[in-house]
Amino acid sequence: MKAIYEDLLHLDRPFYEIHEDSYDPLKCIENFWDHYSLVTIRENLYALDLKCKTLGEATESKLEALQQTLFLSDILRALIAYFLTHSRHLDTTQVKLSTLDLNMEEIRLTKKINDFLQSINQPKP
């Protein structure tokens, strides 16, 4: 296979995997959250944002580029799984998320920061 098509396959594959007999969108969601915490997702998205802002500059290695492509394909897999879960009205109560506690802590922390920012941003009477 030509190297030029390799990057495309990472982002196309999630669309074809859903037609495999063994595909389970709930398992796909579990796998995603087993692999990524909210902090990791944020860091990866920041890296991609920075990459977009510095296009044309040689700032990353091939390994970093591959890791970002794999992250994007994982995000795409999760989005497709969530869509299928929603559209098929699947019961998500049995999904076990390994990063649940870590993510809940991150949400509590961002809530505290948000509450603080809201408190200092109140209009003066």
N, C-alpha and C. Protein backbone atom coordinates (compact mmCIF):
# COMPACT_ATOMS: atom_id res chain seq x y z
N MET A 1 0.85 -1.18 0.00
CA MET A 1 0.00 0.00 0.00
C MET A 1 0.89 1.24 0.00
N LYS A 2 0.45 2.24 -0.70
CA LYS A 2 1.23 3.47 -0.78
C LYS A 2 1.17 4.22 0.54
N ALA A 3 2.32 4.78 0.93
CA ALA A 3 2.41 5.49 2.21
C ALA A 3 1.47 6.69 2.25
N ILE A 4 1.19 7.28 1.11
CA ILE A 4 0.33 8.47 1.08
C ILE A 4 -1.08 8.16 1.59
N TYR A 5 -1.52 6.91 1.49
CA TYR A 5 -2.87 6.54 1.91
C TYR A 5 -2.95 6.08 3.37
N GLU A 6 -1.81 5.87 4.00
CA GLU A 6 -1.83 5.34 5.36
C GLU A 6 -2.57 6.24 6.34
N ASP A 7 -2.35 7.54 6.27
CA ASP A 7 -3.04 8.46 7.19
C ASP A 7 -4.54 8.45 6.97
N LEU A 8 -4.95 8.31 5.73
CA LEU A 8 -6.38 8.29 5.45
C LEU A 8 -7.04 7.06 6.06
N LEU A 9 -6.36 5.95 6.05
CA LEU A 9 -6.95 4.73 6.58
C LEU A 9 -7.28 4.83 8.06
N HIS A 10 -6.44 5.49 8.82
CA HIS A 10 -6.71 5.63 10.25
C HIS A 10 -8.04 6.34 10.49
N LEU A 11 -8.36 7.30 9.66
CA LEU A 11 -9.59 8.05 9.86
C LEU A 11 -10.78 7.44 9.13
N ASP A 12 -10.53 6.58 8.16
CA ASP A 12 -11.63 5.90 7.47
C ASP A 12 -12.06 4.63 8.18
N ARG A 13 -11.12 3.95 8.81
CA ARG A 13 -11.40 2.66 9.42
C ARG A 13 -12.57 2.67 10.40
N PRO A 14 -12.70 3.68 11.26
CA PRO A 14 -13.85 3.65 12.19
C PRO A 14 -15.21 3.56 11.51
N PHE A 15 -15.33 4.09 10.31
CA PHE A 15 -16.60 4.03 9.59
C PHE A 15 -16.90 2.62 9.09
N TYR A 16 -15.87 1.83 8.85
CA TYR A 16 -16.05 0.47 8.35
C TYR A 16 -16.14 -0.55 9.47
N GLU A 17 -15.51 -0.27 10.60
CA GLU A 17 -15.54 -1.20 11.73
C GLU A 17 -16.95 -1.43 12.25
N ILE A 18 -17.80 -0.45 12.12
CA ILE A 18 -19.16 -0.57 12.68
C ILE A 18 -19.98 -1.65 11.97
N HIS A 19 -19.53 -2.10 10.81
CA HIS A 19 -20.25 -3.13 10.06
C HIS A 19 -19.75 -4.53 10.35
N GLU A 20 -18.71 -4.65 11.17
CA GLU A 20 -18.19 -5.97 11.52
C GLU A 20 -19.13 -6.63 12.52
N ASP A 21 -19.26 -7.94 12.44
CA ASP A 21 -20.17 -8.68 13.33
C ASP A 21 -19.82 -8.49 14.80
N SER A 22 -18.54 -8.34 15.09
CA SER A 22 -18.11 -8.24 16.48
C SER A 22 -18.21 -6.82 17.04
N TYR A 23 -18.65 -5.85 16.23
CA TYR A 23 -18.69 -4.46 16.68
C TYR A 23 -19.74 -4.27 17.77
N ASP A 24 -19.32 -3.62 18.84
CA ASP A 24 -20.20 -3.30 19.96
C ASP A 24 -19.93 -1.84 20.35
N PRO A 25 -20.86 -0.93 20.07
CA PRO A 25 -20.60 0.48 20.37
C PRO A 25 -20.36 0.74 21.85
N LEU A 26 -21.00 -0.02 22.72
CA LEU A 26 -20.78 0.16 24.15
C LEU A 26 -19.36 -0.24 24.54
N LYS A 27 -18.86 -1.31 23.95
CA LYS A 27 -17.48 -1.73 24.22
C LYS A 27 -16.51 -0.70 23.66
N CYS A 28 -16.86 -0.11 22.54
CA CYS A 28 -16.02 0.94 21.94
C CYS A 28 -15.94 2.15 22.88
N ILE A 29 -17.05 2.51 23.48
CA ILE A 29 -17.08 3.63 24.42
C ILE A 29 -16.23 3.29 25.65
N GLU A 30 -16.38 2.08 26.16
CA GLU A 30 -15.55 1.66 27.30
C GLU A 30 -14.07 1.72 26.96
N ASN A 31 -13.72 1.21 25.78
CA ASN A 31 -12.31 1.20 25.36
C ASN A 31 -11.76 2.62 25.27
N PHE A 32 -12.57 3.53 24.76
CA PHE A 32 -12.12 4.92 24.64
C PHE A 32 -11.80 5.49 26.02
N TRP A 33 -12.73 5.33 26.96
CA TRP A 33 -12.53 5.91 28.29
C TRP A 33 -11.49 5.15 29.10
N ASP A 34 -11.24 3.89 28.75
CA ASP A 34 -10.13 3.15 29.38
C ASP A 34 -8.79 3.73 28.95
N HIS A 35 -8.77 4.28 27.77
CA HIS A 35 -7.51 4.77 27.20
C HIS A 35 -7.28 6.26 27.44
N TYR A 36 -8.35 7.04 27.58
CA TYR A 36 -8.21 8.50 27.69
C TYR A 36 -8.97 9.05 28.88
N SER A 37 -8.32 9.93 29.63
CA SER A 37 -9.01 10.70 30.66
C SER A 37 -9.33 12.07 30.05
N LEU A 38 -10.16 12.84 30.73
CA LEU A 38 -10.48 14.18 30.24
C LEU A 38 -9.24 15.05 30.11
N VAL A 39 -8.32 14.89 31.04
CA VAL A 39 -7.08 15.68 31.00
C VAL A 39 -6.27 15.31 29.75
N THR A 40 -6.17 14.03 29.47
CA THR A 40 -5.43 13.58 28.29
C THR A 40 -6.09 14.06 27.01
N ILE A 41 -7.41 14.01 26.98
CA ILE A 41 -8.15 14.48 25.80
C ILE A 41 -7.88 15.97 25.60
N ARG A 42 -7.96 16.74 26.67
CA ARG A 42 -7.71 18.17 26.58
C ARG A 42 -6.29 18.45 26.07
N GLU A 43 -5.32 17.73 26.61
CA GLU A 43 -3.93 17.94 26.19
C GLU A 43 -3.74 17.60 24.71
N ASN A 44 -4.37 16.52 24.27
CA ASN A 44 -4.27 16.16 22.85
C ASN A 44 -4.95 17.19 21.96
N LEU A 45 -6.08 17.70 22.40
CA LEU A 45 -6.78 18.72 21.60
C LEU A 45 -5.98 20.02 21.57
N TYR A 46 -5.36 20.38 22.69
CA TYR A 46 -4.48 21.56 22.70
C TYR A 46 -3.33 21.39 21.72
N ALA A 47 -2.74 20.18 21.70
CA ALA A 47 -1.63 19.91 20.78
C ALA A 47 -2.09 20.02 19.33
N LEU A 48 -3.29 19.52 19.04
CA LEU A 48 -3.82 19.63 17.68
C LEU A 48 -4.13 21.07 17.32
N ASP A 49 -4.64 21.82 18.28
CA ASP A 49 -4.92 23.23 18.04
C ASP A 49 -3.64 23.99 17.76
N LEU A 50 -2.61 23.72 18.55
CA LEU A 50 -1.31 24.35 18.33
C LEU A 50 -0.76 23.98 16.96
N LYS A 51 -0.95 22.73 16.59
CA LYS A 51 -0.48 22.28 15.27
C LYS A 51 -1.17 23.07 14.16
N CYS A 52 -2.46 23.29 14.30
CA CYS A 52 -3.19 24.06 13.29
C CYS A 52 -2.69 25.50 13.22
N LYS A 53 -2.35 26.05 14.37
CA LYS A 53 -1.90 27.44 14.43
C LYS A 53 -0.48 27.61 13.93
N THR A 54 0.28 26.54 13.89
CA THR A 54 1.68 26.64 13.47
C THR A 54 1.92 25.83 12.19
N LEU A 55 0.91 25.72 11.35
CA LEU A 55 1.08 24.99 10.09
C LEU A 55 2.24 25.56 9.30
N GLY A 56 2.99 24.68 8.72
CA GLY A 56 4.13 25.12 7.92
C GLY A 56 5.43 25.15 8.69
N GLU A 57 5.34 25.12 10.01
CA GLU A 57 6.56 25.09 10.82
C GLU A 57 6.87 23.63 11.16
N ALA A 58 8.10 23.27 11.08
CA ALA A 58 8.52 21.91 11.40
C ALA A 58 8.67 21.79 12.91
N THR A 59 7.56 21.49 13.60
CA THR A 59 7.60 21.47 15.06
C THR A 59 7.35 20.10 15.67
N GLU A 60 7.13 19.06 14.83
CA GLU A 60 6.82 17.77 15.40
C GLU A 60 7.52 16.65 14.65
N SER A 61 7.65 15.53 15.32
CA SER A 61 8.26 14.37 14.70
C SER A 61 7.17 13.52 14.02
N LYS A 62 7.60 12.55 13.26
CA LYS A 62 6.64 11.63 12.63
C LYS A 62 5.87 10.86 13.70
N LEU A 63 6.52 10.53 14.80
CA LEU A 63 5.85 9.81 15.88
C LEU A 63 4.73 10.66 16.47
N GLU A 64 5.02 11.93 16.72
CA GLU A 64 3.97 12.82 17.26
C GLU A 64 2.81 12.92 16.28
N ALA A 65 3.11 13.03 14.99
CA ALA A 65 2.05 13.12 13.98
C ALA A 65 1.21 11.85 13.97
N LEU A 66 1.85 10.70 14.08
CA LEU A 66 1.12 9.43 14.10
C LEU A 66 0.26 9.34 15.37
N GLN A 67 0.80 9.75 16.50
CA GLN A 67 0.03 9.72 17.75
C GLN A 67 -1.20 10.62 17.65
N GLN A 68 -1.06 11.77 17.02
CA GLN A 68 -2.20 12.67 16.87
C GLN A 68 -3.24 12.07 15.93
N THR A 69 -2.80 11.41 14.87
CA THR A 69 -3.73 10.76 13.95
C THR A 69 -4.47 9.64 14.66
N LEU A 70 -3.75 8.86 15.46
CA LEU A 70 -4.40 7.77 16.20
C LEU A 70 -5.40 8.33 17.22
N PHE A 71 -5.05 9.43 17.86
CA PHE A 71 -5.97 10.07 18.80
C PHE A 71 -7.24 10.51 18.07
N LEU A 72 -7.08 11.14 16.91
CA LEU A 72 -8.24 11.57 16.14
C LEU A 72 -9.10 10.39 15.71
N SER A 73 -8.49 9.29 15.34
CA SER A 73 -9.28 8.12 14.94
C SER A 73 -10.00 7.54 16.16
N ASP A 74 -9.38 7.59 17.34
CA ASP A 74 -10.05 7.13 18.56
C ASP A 74 -11.23 8.03 18.92
N ILE A 75 -11.05 9.33 18.77
CA ILE A 75 -12.16 10.27 19.01
C ILE A 75 -13.30 9.99 18.03
N LEU A 76 -12.95 9.77 16.78
CA LEU A 76 -13.96 9.48 15.76
C LEU A 76 -14.70 8.19 16.09
N ARG A 77 -13.97 7.16 16.51
CA ARG A 77 -14.60 5.89 16.92
C ARG A 77 -15.60 6.13 18.05
N ALA A 78 -15.19 6.92 19.04
CA ALA A 78 -16.07 7.18 20.18
C ALA A 78 -17.31 7.95 19.75
N LEU A 79 -17.13 8.94 18.89
CA LEU A 79 -18.29 9.72 18.41
C LEU A 79 -19.28 8.84 17.65
N ILE A 80 -18.76 7.98 16.80
CA ILE A 80 -19.63 7.07 16.05
C ILE A 80 -20.34 6.12 17.02
N ALA A 81 -19.61 5.61 18.01
CA ALA A 81 -20.21 4.70 18.99
C ALA A 81 -21.31 5.40 19.78
N TYR A 82 -21.05 6.64 20.19
CA TYR A 82 -22.09 7.39 20.90
C TYR A 82 -23.31 7.63 20.01
N PHE A 83 -23.07 7.94 18.76
CA PHE A 83 -24.19 8.14 17.83
C PHE A 83 -25.01 6.87 17.69
N LEU A 84 -24.34 5.75 17.48
CA LEU A 84 -25.06 4.48 17.31
C LEU A 84 -25.78 4.08 18.59
N THR A 85 -25.15 4.31 19.73
CA THR A 85 -25.78 4.01 21.01
C THR A 85 -27.05 4.82 21.17
N HIS A 86 -26.98 6.09 20.83
CA HIS A 86 -28.15 6.97 20.93
C HIS A 86 -29.23 6.58 19.92
N SER A 87 -28.83 6.39 18.67
CA SER A 87 -29.82 6.13 17.62
C SER A 87 -30.48 4.76 17.77
N ARG A 88 -29.78 3.81 18.38
CA ARG A 88 -30.34 2.48 18.60
C ARG A 88 -30.98 2.34 19.97
N HIS A 89 -30.97 3.40 20.75
CA HIS A 89 -31.55 3.42 22.09
C HIS A 89 -30.99 2.29 22.96
N LEU A 90 -29.67 2.14 22.94
CA LEU A 90 -29.02 1.09 23.73
C LEU A 90 -28.93 1.51 25.19
N ASP A 91 -29.03 0.54 26.06
CA ASP A 91 -28.92 0.78 27.50
C ASP A 91 -27.46 0.95 27.88
N THR A 92 -27.12 2.09 28.39
CA THR A 92 -25.73 2.39 28.73
C THR A 92 -25.41 2.17 30.22
N THR A 93 -26.36 1.68 30.96
CA THR A 93 -26.14 1.54 32.40
C THR A 93 -25.08 0.48 32.73
N GLN A 94 -24.80 -0.41 31.82
CA GLN A 94 -23.82 -1.46 32.08
C GLN A 94 -22.40 -1.07 31.67
N VAL A 95 -22.24 0.11 31.09
CA VAL A 95 -20.91 0.56 30.66
C VAL A 95 -20.08 0.86 31.91
N LYS A 96 -18.90 0.30 31.95
CA LYS A 96 -18.00 0.51 33.09
C LYS A 96 -16.84 1.38 32.61
N LEU A 97 -16.71 2.53 33.21
CA LEU A 97 -15.67 3.47 32.80
C LEU A 97 -14.54 3.47 33.81
N SER A 98 -13.37 3.07 33.38
CA SER A 98 -12.24 2.96 34.30
C SER A 98 -11.73 4.32 34.76
N THR A 99 -11.93 5.35 33.96
CA THR A 99 -11.43 6.68 34.32
C THR A 99 -12.52 7.55 34.96
N LEU A 100 -13.60 6.93 35.39
CA LEU A 100 -14.73 7.69 35.93
C LEU A 100 -14.33 8.56 37.11
N ASP A 101 -13.64 8.00 38.09
CA ASP A 101 -13.25 8.79 39.27
C ASP A 101 -12.32 9.93 38.90
N LEU A 102 -11.33 9.64 38.06
CA LEU A 102 -10.39 10.66 37.63
C LEU A 102 -11.11 11.78 36.87
N ASN A 103 -12.03 11.40 36.00
CA ASN A 103 -12.78 12.40 35.24
C ASN A 103 -13.73 13.20 36.12
N MET A 104 -14.34 12.55 37.09
CA MET A 104 -15.23 13.27 38.00
C MET A 104 -14.44 14.28 38.83
N GLU A 105 -13.23 13.92 39.21
CA GLU A 105 -12.38 14.85 39.95
C GLU A 105 -12.04 16.06 39.07
N GLU A 106 -11.75 15.83 37.81
CA GLU A 106 -11.47 16.92 36.88
C GLU A 106 -12.70 17.82 36.72
N ILE A 107 -13.87 17.24 36.65
CA ILE A 107 -15.11 18.02 36.53
C ILE A 107 -15.35 18.83 37.79
N ARG A 108 -15.10 18.24 38.97
CA ARG A 108 -15.24 18.99 40.23
C ARG A 108 -14.27 20.18 40.27
N LEU A 109 -13.05 19.95 39.83
CA LEU A 109 -12.05 21.01 39.82
C LEU A 109 -12.47 22.14 38.86
N THR A 110 -12.91 21.79 37.66
CA THR A 110 -13.32 22.83 36.72
C THR A 110 -14.58 23.55 37.20
N LYS A 111 -15.43 22.86 37.97
CA LYS A 111 -16.61 23.52 38.55
C LYS A 111 -16.17 24.57 39.56
N LYS A 112 -15.20 24.23 40.40
CA LYS A 112 -14.69 25.20 41.38
C LYS A 112 -14.10 26.42 40.68
N ILE A 113 -13.34 26.18 39.65
CA ILE A 113 -12.74 27.30 38.91
C ILE A 113 -13.82 28.14 38.25
N ASN A 114 -14.81 27.47 37.66
CA ASN A 114 -15.91 28.20 37.03
C ASN A 114 -16.69 29.02 38.05
N ASP A 115 -16.97 28.43 39.20
CA ASP A 115 -17.70 29.16 40.24
C ASP A 115 -16.92 30.39 40.68
N PHE A 116 -15.61 30.24 40.84
CA PHE A 116 -14.77 31.38 41.21
C PHE A 116 -14.82 32.47 40.15
N LEU A 117 -14.65 32.08 38.88
CA LEU A 117 -14.67 33.06 37.80
C LEU A 117 -16.03 33.74 37.70
N GLN A 118 -17.09 33.00 37.93
CA GLN A 118 -18.42 33.59 37.92
C GLN A 118 -18.59 34.58 39.06
N SER A 119 -18.01 34.26 40.22
CA SER A 119 -18.17 35.13 41.38
C SER A 119 -17.44 36.47 41.19
N ILE A 120 -16.31 36.45 40.51
CA ILE A 120 -15.59 37.72 40.30
C ILE A 120 -16.08 38.46 39.05
N ASN A 121 -16.97 37.82 38.32
CA ASN A 121 -17.49 38.43 37.10
C ASN A 121 -18.92 38.92 37.26
N GLN A 122 -19.39 38.94 38.50
CA GLN A 122 -20.77 39.39 38.76
C GLN A 122 -20.87 40.90 38.47
N PRO A 123 -21.96 41.31 37.83
CA PRO A 123 -22.14 42.75 37.59
C PRO A 123 -22.33 43.49 38.92
N LYS A 124 -21.78 44.65 38.99
CA LYS A 124 -21.90 45.46 40.22
C LYS A 124 -23.27 46.13 40.23
N PRO A 125 -23.93 46.11 41.41
CA PRO A 125 -25.28 46.72 41.50
C PRO A 125 -25.26 48.24 41.39
